[in-house]
Amino acid sequence: MLLNVEIPEELGYRLTADGVDLSRRALEGLALEEYRLGRLSKPELRRLLGFGTRWKLDGFLKEHGVFEDYTIEDFEQERAALKRLGY
């Protein structure tokens, strides 16, 4: 899907003055907001942003101050799974 966004030309020049890719910045902003609202899953976010690994996505989320709610139950489930695998 192609999405066009119109902004005043003088603002466009100012927003790209530091060489930033405004299209990428807009995509990232939209994707982050949709993820925060729960409308995108982590795999969908990764696909939308074109990250090849989940570690790249995790780094991106960390850079933007988005942290998962990691509970003690999550920890216990991971610990049990590792134990079943022999770790």
PDB file of N, CA and C in Angstrom:
ATOM      1  N   MET A   1       0.851  -1.175   0.000  1.00  0.00           N
ATOM      2  CA  MET A   1       0.000   0.000   0.000  1.00  0.00           C
ATOM      3  C   MET A   1       0.896   1.237   0.000  1.00  0.00           C
ATOM      4  N   LEU A   2       0.526   2.167  -0.781  1.00  0.00           N
ATOM      5  CA  LEU A   2       1.241   3.436  -0.844  1.00  0.00           C
ATOM      6  C   LEU A   2       0.432   4.476  -0.097  1.00  0.00           C
ATOM      7  N   LEU A   3       1.089   5.211   0.778  1.00  0.00           N
ATOM      8  CA  LEU A   3       0.434   6.241   1.571  1.00  0.00           C
ATOM      9  C   LEU A   3       1.146   7.562   1.316  1.00  0.00           C
ATOM     10  N   ASN A   4       0.403   8.554   0.898  1.00  0.00           N
ATOM     11  CA  ASN A   4       0.961   9.885   0.674  1.00  0.00           C
ATOM     12  C   ASN A   4       0.499  10.816   1.778  1.00  0.00           C
ATOM     13  N   VAL A   5       1.411  11.631   2.247  1.00  0.00           N
ATOM     14  CA  VAL A   5       1.104  12.612   3.283  1.00  0.00           C
ATOM     15  C   VAL A   5       1.584  13.966   2.782  1.00  0.00           C
ATOM     16  N   GLU A   6       0.702  14.931   2.809  1.00  0.00           N
ATOM     17  CA  GLU A   6       1.089  16.277   2.378  1.00  0.00           C
ATOM     18  C   GLU A   6       1.390  17.137   3.598  1.00  0.00           C
ATOM     19  N   ILE A   7       2.528  17.812   3.521  1.00  0.00           N
ATOM     20  CA  ILE A   7       2.901  18.778   4.560  1.00  0.00           C
ATOM     21  C   ILE A   7       3.335  20.055   3.857  1.00  0.00           C
ATOM     22  N   PRO A   8       3.227  21.182   4.524  1.00  0.00           N
ATOM     23  CA  PRO A   8       3.678  22.438   3.905  1.00  0.00           C
ATOM     24  C   PRO A   8       5.152  22.336   3.493  1.00  0.00           C
ATOM     25  N   GLU A   9       5.445  22.847   2.321  1.00  0.00           N
ATOM     26  CA  GLU A   9       6.783  22.716   1.757  1.00  0.00           C
ATOM     27  C   GLU A   9       7.874  23.268   2.667  1.00  0.00           C
ATOM     28  N   GLU A  10       7.633  24.439   3.281  1.00  0.00           N
ATOM     29  CA  GLU A  10       8.673  25.027   4.138  1.00  0.00           C
ATOM     30  C   GLU A  10       8.953  24.149   5.359  1.00  0.00           C
ATOM     31  N   LEU A  11       7.923  23.469   5.867  1.00  0.00           N
ATOM     32  CA  LEU A  11       8.139  22.546   6.986  1.00  0.00           C
ATOM     33  C   LEU A  11       8.902  21.314   6.516  1.00  0.00           C
ATOM     34  N   GLY A  12       8.595  20.843   5.331  1.00  0.00           N
ATOM     35  CA  GLY A  12       9.313  19.702   4.766  1.00  0.00           C
ATOM     36  C   GLY A  12      10.798  19.975   4.639  1.00  0.00           C
ATOM     37  N   TYR A  13      11.131  21.172   4.156  1.00  0.00           N
ATOM     38  CA  TYR A  13      12.549  21.544   4.048  1.00  0.00           C
ATOM     39  C   TYR A  13      13.216  21.577   5.416  1.00  0.00           C
ATOM     40  N   ARG A  14      12.538  22.141   6.375  1.00  0.00           N
ATOM     41  CA  ARG A  14      13.112  22.241   7.726  1.00  0.00           C
ATOM     42  C   ARG A  14      13.270  20.859   8.363  1.00  0.00           C
ATOM     43  N   LEU A  15      12.280  20.000   8.169  1.00  0.00           N
ATOM     44  CA  LEU A  15      12.331  18.676   8.787  1.00  0.00           C
ATOM     45  C   LEU A  15      13.368  17.757   8.151  1.00  0.00           C
ATOM     46  N   THR A  16      13.770  18.059   6.927  1.00  0.00           N
ATOM     47  CA  THR A  16      14.779  17.232   6.261  1.00  0.00           C
ATOM     48  C   THR A  16      16.140  17.915   6.190  1.00  0.00           C
ATOM     49  N   ALA A  17      16.283  19.062   6.821  1.00  0.00           N
ATOM     50  CA  ALA A  17      17.531  19.832   6.746  1.00  0.00           C
ATOM     51  C   ALA A  17      18.724  19.044   7.272  1.00  0.00           C
ATOM     52  N   ASP A  18      18.500  18.165   8.252  1.00  0.00           N
ATOM     53  CA  ASP A  18      19.621  17.399   8.805  1.00  0.00           C
ATOM     54  C   ASP A  18      19.882  16.107   8.031  1.00  0.00           C
ATOM     55  N   GLY A  19      19.252  15.971   6.853  1.00  0.00           N
ATOM     56  CA  GLY A  19      19.481  14.815   5.996  1.00  0.00           C
ATOM     57  C   GLY A  19      18.641  13.596   6.338  1.00  0.00           C
ATOM     58  N   VAL A  20      17.700  13.759   7.239  1.00  0.00           N
ATOM     59  CA  VAL A  20      16.859  12.633   7.645  1.00  0.00           C
ATOM     60  C   VAL A  20      15.923  12.212   6.518  1.00  0.00           C
ATOM     61  N   ASP A  21      15.640  10.930   6.437  1.00  0.00           N
ATOM     62  CA  ASP A  21      14.669  10.401   5.482  1.00  0.00           C
ATOM     63  C   ASP A  21      13.293  10.555   6.113  1.00  0.00           C
ATOM     64  N   LEU A  22      12.574  11.559   5.687  1.00  0.00           N
ATOM     65  CA  LEU A  22      11.290  11.890   6.293  1.00  0.00           C
ATOM     66  C   LEU A  22      10.263  10.771   6.102  1.00  0.00           C
ATOM     67  N   SER A  23      10.303  10.100   4.979  1.00  0.00           N
ATOM     68  CA  SER A  23       9.388   8.981   4.751  1.00  0.00           C
ATOM     69  C   SER A  23       9.635   7.872   5.765  1.00  0.00           C
ATOM     70  N   ARG A  24      10.904   7.561   6.009  1.00  0.00           N
ATOM     71  CA  ARG A  24      11.249   6.513   6.982  1.00  0.00           C
ATOM     72  C   ARG A  24      10.837   6.947   8.389  1.00  0.00           C
ATOM     73  N   ARG A  25      11.100   8.195   8.709  1.00  0.00           N
ATOM     74  CA  ARG A  25      10.742   8.711  10.031  1.00  0.00           C
ATOM     75  C   ARG A  25       9.229   8.628  10.251  1.00  0.00           C
ATOM     76  N   ALA A  26       8.457   8.949   9.225  1.00  0.00           N
ATOM     77  CA  ALA A  26       6.996   8.882   9.330  1.00  0.00           C
ATOM     78  C   ALA A  26       6.538   7.432   9.498  1.00  0.00           C
ATOM     79  N   LEU A  27       7.135   6.521   8.735  1.00  0.00           N
ATOM     80  CA  LEU A  27       6.788   5.112   8.850  1.00  0.00           C
ATOM     81  C   LEU A  27       7.096   4.589  10.248  1.00  0.00           C
ATOM     82  N   GLU A  28       8.276   4.922  10.765  1.00  0.00           N
ATOM     83  CA  GLU A  28       8.658   4.469  12.100  1.00  0.00           C
ATOM     84  C   GLU A  28       7.727   5.029  13.165  1.00  0.00           C
ATOM     85  N   GLY A  29       7.371   6.298  13.037  1.00  0.00           N
ATOM     86  CA  GLY A  29       6.469   6.915  14.006  1.00  0.00           C
ATOM     87  C   GLY A  29       5.101   6.250  14.000  1.00  0.00           C
ATOM     88  N   LEU A  30       4.568   6.009  12.821  1.00  0.00           N
ATOM     89  CA  LEU A  30       3.273   5.336  12.709  1.00  0.00           C
ATOM     90  C   LEU A  30       3.349   3.920  13.272  1.00  0.00           C
ATOM     91  N   ALA A  31       4.384   3.198  12.883  1.00  0.00           N
ATOM     92  CA  ALA A  31       4.537   1.813  13.326  1.00  0.00           C
ATOM     93  C   ALA A  31       4.677   1.725  14.845  1.00  0.00           C
ATOM     94  N   LEU A  32       5.480   2.602  15.429  1.00  0.00           N
ATOM     95  CA  LEU A  32       5.648   2.599  16.888  1.00  0.00           C
ATOM     96  C   LEU A  32       4.338   2.874  17.606  1.00  0.00           C
ATOM     97  N   GLU A  33       3.593   3.829  17.121  1.00  0.00           N
ATOM     98  CA  GLU A  33       2.323   4.167  17.763  1.00  0.00           C
ATOM     99  C   GLU A  33       1.334   2.999  17.663  1.00  0.00           C
ATOM    100  N   GLU A  34       1.267   2.370  16.523  1.00  0.00           N
ATOM    101  CA  GLU A  34       0.360   1.237  16.351  1.00  0.00           C
ATOM    102  C   GLU A  34       0.784   0.063  17.231  1.00  0.00           C
ATOM    103  N   TYR A  35       2.085  -0.133  17.397  1.00  0.00           N
ATOM    104  CA  TYR A  35       2.594  -1.183  18.288  1.00  0.00           C
ATOM    105  C   TYR A  35       2.231  -0.861  19.738  1.00  0.00           C
ATOM    106  N   ARG A  36       2.448   0.379  20.141  1.00  0.00           N
ATOM    107  CA  ARG A  36       2.110   0.787  21.516  1.00  0.00           C
ATOM    108  C   ARG A  36       0.623   0.614  21.816  1.00  0.00           C
ATOM    109  N   LEU A  37      -0.217   0.838  20.808  1.00  0.00           N
ATOM    110  CA  LEU A  37      -1.665   0.704  20.979  1.00  0.00           C
ATOM    111  C   LEU A  37      -2.133  -0.749  20.887  1.00  0.00           C
ATOM    112  N   GLY A  38      -1.207  -1.650  20.581  1.00  0.00           N
ATOM    113  CA  GLY A  38      -1.546  -3.061  20.507  1.00  0.00           C
ATOM    114  C   GLY A  38      -2.160  -3.495  19.191  1.00  0.00           C
ATOM    115  N   ARG A  39      -2.060  -2.656  18.173  1.00  0.00           N
ATOM    116  CA  ARG A  39      -2.637  -2.997  16.877  1.00  0.00           C
ATOM    117  C   ARG A  39      -1.648  -3.695  15.949  1.00  0.00           C
ATOM    118  N   LEU A  40      -0.389  -3.731  16.360  1.00  0.00           N
ATOM    119  CA  LEU A  40       0.635  -4.486  15.635  1.00  0.00           C
ATOM    120  C   LEU A  40       1.343  -5.393  16.626  1.00  0.00           C
ATOM    121  N   SER A  41       1.598  -6.613  16.212  1.00  0.00           N
ATOM    122  CA  SER A  41       2.396  -7.524  17.034  1.00  0.00           C
ATOM    123  C   SER A  41       3.872  -7.249  16.758  1.00  0.00           C
ATOM    124  N   LYS A  42       4.726  -7.833  17.562  1.00  0.00           N
ATOM    125  CA  LYS A  42       6.154  -7.650  17.343  1.00  0.00           C
ATOM    126  C   LYS A  42       6.593  -8.198  15.981  1.00  0.00           C
ATOM    127  N   PRO A  43       6.145  -9.398  15.587  1.00  0.00           N
ATOM    128  CA  PRO A  43       6.522  -9.871  14.247  1.00  0.00           C
ATOM    129  C   PRO A  43       6.006  -8.964  13.123  1.00  0.00           C
ATOM    130  N   GLU A  44       4.807  -8.424  13.290  1.00  0.00           N
ATOM    131  CA  GLU A  44       4.270  -7.514  12.274  1.00  0.00           C
ATOM    132  C   GLU A  44       5.074  -6.220  12.218  1.00  0.00           C
ATOM    133  N   LEU A  45       5.461  -5.713  13.377  1.00  0.00           N
ATOM    134  CA  LEU A  45       6.276  -4.498  13.439  1.00  0.00           C
ATOM    135  C   LEU A  45       7.616  -4.729  12.760  1.00  0.00           C
ATOM    136  N   ARG A  46       8.214  -5.872  13.051  1.00  0.00           N
ATOM    137  CA  ARG A  46       9.508  -6.206  12.448  1.00  0.00           C
ATOM    138  C   ARG A  46       9.394  -6.275  10.926  1.00  0.00           C
ATOM    139  N   ARG A  47       8.331  -6.893  10.452  1.00  0.00           N
ATOM    140  CA  ARG A  47       8.109  -7.005   9.002  1.00  0.00           C
ATOM    141  C   ARG A  47       7.868  -5.635   8.377  1.00  0.00           C
ATOM    142  N   LEU A  48       7.034  -4.831   9.017  1.00  0.00           N
ATOM    143  CA  LEU A  48       6.719  -3.505   8.495  1.00  0.00           C
ATOM    144  C   LEU A  48       7.967  -2.634   8.374  1.00  0.00           C
ATOM    145  N   LEU A  49       8.852  -2.726   9.366  1.00  0.00           N
ATOM    146  CA  LEU A  49      10.046  -1.887   9.362  1.00  0.00           C
ATOM    147  C   LEU A  49      11.224  -2.519   8.622  1.00  0.00           C
ATOM    148  N   GLY A  50      11.068  -3.774   8.212  1.00  0.00           N
ATOM    149  CA  GLY A  50      12.102  -4.419   7.409  1.00  0.00           C
ATOM    150  C   GLY A  50      13.330  -4.854   8.176  1.00  0.00           C
ATOM    151  N   PHE A  51      13.184  -5.158   9.453  1.00  0.00           N
ATOM    152  CA  PHE A  51      14.326  -5.622  10.241  1.00  0.00           C
ATOM    153  C   PHE A  51      14.514  -7.120  10.027  1.00  0.00           C
ATOM    154  N   GLY A  52      15.746  -7.522   9.736  1.00  0.00           N
ATOM    155  CA  GLY A  52      16.034  -8.917   9.459  1.00  0.00           C
ATOM    156  C   GLY A  52      16.051  -9.819  10.675  1.00  0.00           C
ATOM    157  N   THR A  53      16.273  -9.244  11.833  1.00  0.00           N
ATOM    158  CA  THR A  53      16.327 -10.061  13.050  1.00  0.00           C
ATOM    159  C   THR A  53      15.507  -9.408  14.153  1.00  0.00           C
ATOM    160  N   ARG A  54      15.115 -10.210  15.133  1.00  0.00           N
ATOM    161  CA  ARG A  54      14.371  -9.649  16.261  1.00  0.00           C
ATOM    162  C   ARG A  54      15.275  -8.790  17.132  1.00  0.00           C
ATOM    163  N   TRP A  55      16.595  -9.055  17.086  1.00  0.00           N
ATOM    164  CA  TRP A  55      17.524  -8.251  17.875  1.00  0.00           C
ATOM    165  C   TRP A  55      17.594  -6.823  17.340  1.00  0.00           C
ATOM    166  N   LYS A  56      17.528  -6.681  16.036  1.00  0.00           N
ATOM    167  CA  LYS A  56      17.501  -5.328  15.454  1.00  0.00           C
ATOM    168  C   LYS A  56      16.231  -4.599  15.877  1.00  0.00           C
ATOM    169  N   LEU A  57      15.120  -5.324  15.877  1.00  0.00           N
ATOM    170  CA  LEU A  57      13.862  -4.719  16.322  1.00  0.00           C
ATOM    171  C   LEU A  57      13.940  -4.351  17.796  1.00  0.00           C
ATOM    172  N   ASP A  58      14.479  -5.237  18.619  1.00  0.00           N
ATOM    173  CA  ASP A  58      14.608  -4.935  20.043  1.00  0.00           C
ATOM    174  C   ASP A  58      15.464  -3.692  20.271  1.00  0.00           C
ATOM    175  N   GLY A  59      16.554  -3.553  19.501  1.00  0.00           N
ATOM    176  CA  GLY A  59      17.393  -2.360  19.601  1.00  0.00           C
ATOM    177  C   GLY A  59      16.639  -1.105  19.205  1.00  0.00           C
ATOM    178  N   PHE A  60      15.858  -1.202  18.149  1.00  0.00           N
ATOM    179  CA  PHE A  60      15.038  -0.081  17.690  1.00  0.00           C
ATOM    180  C   PHE A  60      14.046   0.324  18.774  1.00  0.00           C
ATOM    181  N   LEU A  61      13.359  -0.648  19.357  1.00  0.00           N
ATOM    182  CA  LEU A  61      12.382  -0.354  20.409  1.00  0.00           C
ATOM    183  C   LEU A  61      13.065   0.284  21.618  1.00  0.00           C
ATOM    184  N   LYS A  62      14.223  -0.222  21.976  1.00  0.00           N
ATOM    185  CA  LYS A  62      14.955   0.340  23.107  1.00  0.00           C
ATOM    186  C   LYS A  62      15.357   1.792  22.830  1.00  0.00           C
ATOM    187  N   GLU A  63      15.836   2.063  21.614  1.00  0.00           N
ATOM    188  CA  GLU A  63      16.206   3.427  21.224  1.00  0.00           C
ATOM    189  C   GLU A  63      15.039   4.397  21.366  1.00  0.00           C
ATOM    190  N   HIS A  64      13.831   3.888  21.179  1.00  0.00           N
ATOM    191  CA  HIS A  64      12.639   4.732  21.223  1.00  0.00           C
ATOM    192  C   HIS A  64      11.886   4.619  22.543  1.00  0.00           C
ATOM    193  N   GLY A  65      12.539   4.035  23.544  1.00  0.00           N
ATOM    194  CA  GLY A  65      11.957   3.986  24.884  1.00  0.00           C
ATOM    195  C   GLY A  65      10.742   3.085  25.014  1.00  0.00           C
ATOM    196  N   VAL A  66      10.674   2.054  24.172  1.00  0.00           N
ATOM    197  CA  VAL A  66       9.554   1.113  24.241  1.00  0.00           C
ATOM    198  C   VAL A  66      10.077  -0.178  24.856  1.00  0.00           C
ATOM    199  N   PHE A  67       9.588  -0.472  26.049  1.00  0.00           N
ATOM    200  CA  PHE A  67      10.018  -1.660  26.762  1.00  0.00           C
ATOM    201  C   PHE A  67       8.824  -2.562  27.014  1.00  0.00           C
ATOM    202  N   GLU A  68       9.061  -3.854  26.932  1.00  0.00           N
ATOM    203  CA  GLU A  68       7.990  -4.817  27.148  1.00  0.00           C
ATOM    204  C   GLU A  68       7.680  -4.943  28.635  1.00  0.00           C
ATOM    205  N   ASP A  69       6.454  -5.321  28.918  1.00  0.00           N
ATOM    206  CA  ASP A  69       6.068  -5.642  30.282  1.00  0.00           C
ATOM    207  C   ASP A  69       6.457  -7.089  30.531  1.00  0.00           C
ATOM    208  N   TYR A  70       7.649  -7.285  31.070  1.00  0.00           N
ATOM    209  CA  TYR A  70       8.178  -8.622  31.319  1.00  0.00           C
ATOM    210  C   TYR A  70       7.868  -8.978  32.759  1.00  0.00           C
ATOM    211  N   THR A  71       6.988  -9.963  32.933  1.00  0.00           N
ATOM    212  CA  THR A  71       6.520 -10.314  34.271  1.00  0.00           C
ATOM    213  C   THR A  71       7.298 -11.491  34.837  1.00  0.00           C
ATOM    214  N   ILE A  72       7.112 -11.742  36.113  1.00  0.00           N
ATOM    215  CA  ILE A  72       7.733 -12.900  36.752  1.00  0.00           C
ATOM    216  C   ILE A  72       7.205 -14.193  36.122  1.00  0.00           C
ATOM    217  N   GLU A  73       5.948 -14.169  35.685  1.00  0.00           N
ATOM    218  CA  GLU A  73       5.377 -15.341  35.012  1.00  0.00           C
ATOM    219  C   GLU A  73       6.098 -15.614  33.694  1.00  0.00           C
ATOM    220  N   ASP A  74       6.416 -14.549  32.965  1.00  0.00           N
ATOM    221  CA  ASP A  74       7.178 -14.705  31.723  1.00  0.00           C
ATOM    222  C   ASP A  74       8.531 -15.340  32.015  1.00  0.00           C
ATOM    223  N   PHE A  75       9.179 -14.853  33.056  1.00  0.00           N
ATOM    224  CA  PHE A  75      10.481 -15.381  33.454  1.00  0.00           C
ATOM    225  C   PHE A  75      10.374 -16.866  33.803  1.00  0.00           C
ATOM    226  N   GLU A  76       9.373 -17.227  34.584  1.00  0.00           N
ATOM    227  CA  GLU A  76       9.193 -18.623  34.994  1.00  0.00           C
ATOM    228  C   GLU A  76       8.934 -19.528  33.800  1.00  0.00           C
ATOM    229  N   GLN A  77       8.158 -19.053  32.829  1.00  0.00           N
ATOM    230  CA  GLN A  77       7.901 -19.843  31.632  1.00  0.00           C
ATOM    231  C   GLN A  77       9.177 -20.070  30.831  1.00  0.00           C
ATOM    232  N   GLU A  78       9.983 -19.031  30.701  1.00  0.00           N
ATOM    233  CA  GLU A  78      11.242 -19.165  29.976  1.00  0.00           C
ATOM    234  C   GLU A  78      12.202 -20.087  30.706  1.00  0.00           C
ATOM    235  N   ARG A  79      12.231 -19.957  32.033  1.00  0.00           N
ATOM    236  CA  ARG A  79      13.117 -20.811  32.837  1.00  0.00           C
ATOM    237  C   ARG A  79      12.705 -22.269  32.691  1.00  0.00           C
ATOM    238  N   ALA A  80      11.406 -22.561  32.737  1.00  0.00           N
ATOM    239  CA  ALA A  80      10.914 -23.922  32.586  1.00  0.00           C
ATOM    240  C   ALA A  80      11.248 -24.479  31.193  1.00  0.00           C
ATOM    241  N   ALA A  81      11.097 -23.641  30.164  1.00  0.00           N
ATOM    242  CA  ALA A  81      11.405 -24.068  28.808  1.00  0.00           C
ATOM    243  C   ALA A  81      12.884 -24.395  28.669  1.00  0.00           C
ATOM    244  N   LEU A  82      13.730 -23.565  29.231  1.00  0.00           N
ATOM    245  CA  LEU A  82      15.187 -23.827  29.175  1.00  0.00           C
ATOM    246  C   LEU A  82      15.534 -25.106  29.935  1.00  0.00           C
ATOM    247  N   LYS A  83      14.879 -25.337  31.045  1.00  0.00           N
ATOM    248  CA  LYS A  83      15.123 -26.540  31.842  1.00  0.00           C
ATOM    249  C   LYS A  83      14.745 -27.777  31.040  1.00  0.00           C
ATOM    250  N   ARG A  84      13.605 -27.729  30.331  1.00  0.00           N
ATOM    251  CA  ARG A  84      13.179 -28.854  29.487  1.00  0.00           C
ATOM    252  C   ARG A  84      14.200 -29.123  28.376  1.00  0.00           C
ATOM    253  N   LEU A  85      14.865 -28.064  27.926  1.00  0.00           N
ATOM    254  CA  LEU A  85      15.861 -28.205  26.868  1.00  0.00           C
ATOM    255  C   LEU A  85      17.231 -28.645  27.393  1.00  0.00           C
ATOM    256  N   GLY A  86      17.339 -28.748  28.713  1.00  0.00           N
ATOM    257  CA  GLY A  86      18.585 -29.207  29.311  1.00  0.00           C
ATOM    258  C   GLY A  86      19.561 -28.130  29.708  1.00  0.00           C
ATOM    259  N   TYR A  87      19.072 -26.907  29.830  1.00  0.00           N
ATOM    260  CA  TYR A  87      19.954 -25.797  30.231  1.00  0.00           C
ATOM    261  C   TYR A  87      19.753 -25.462  31.680  1.00  0.00           C
TER     262      TYR A  87
END
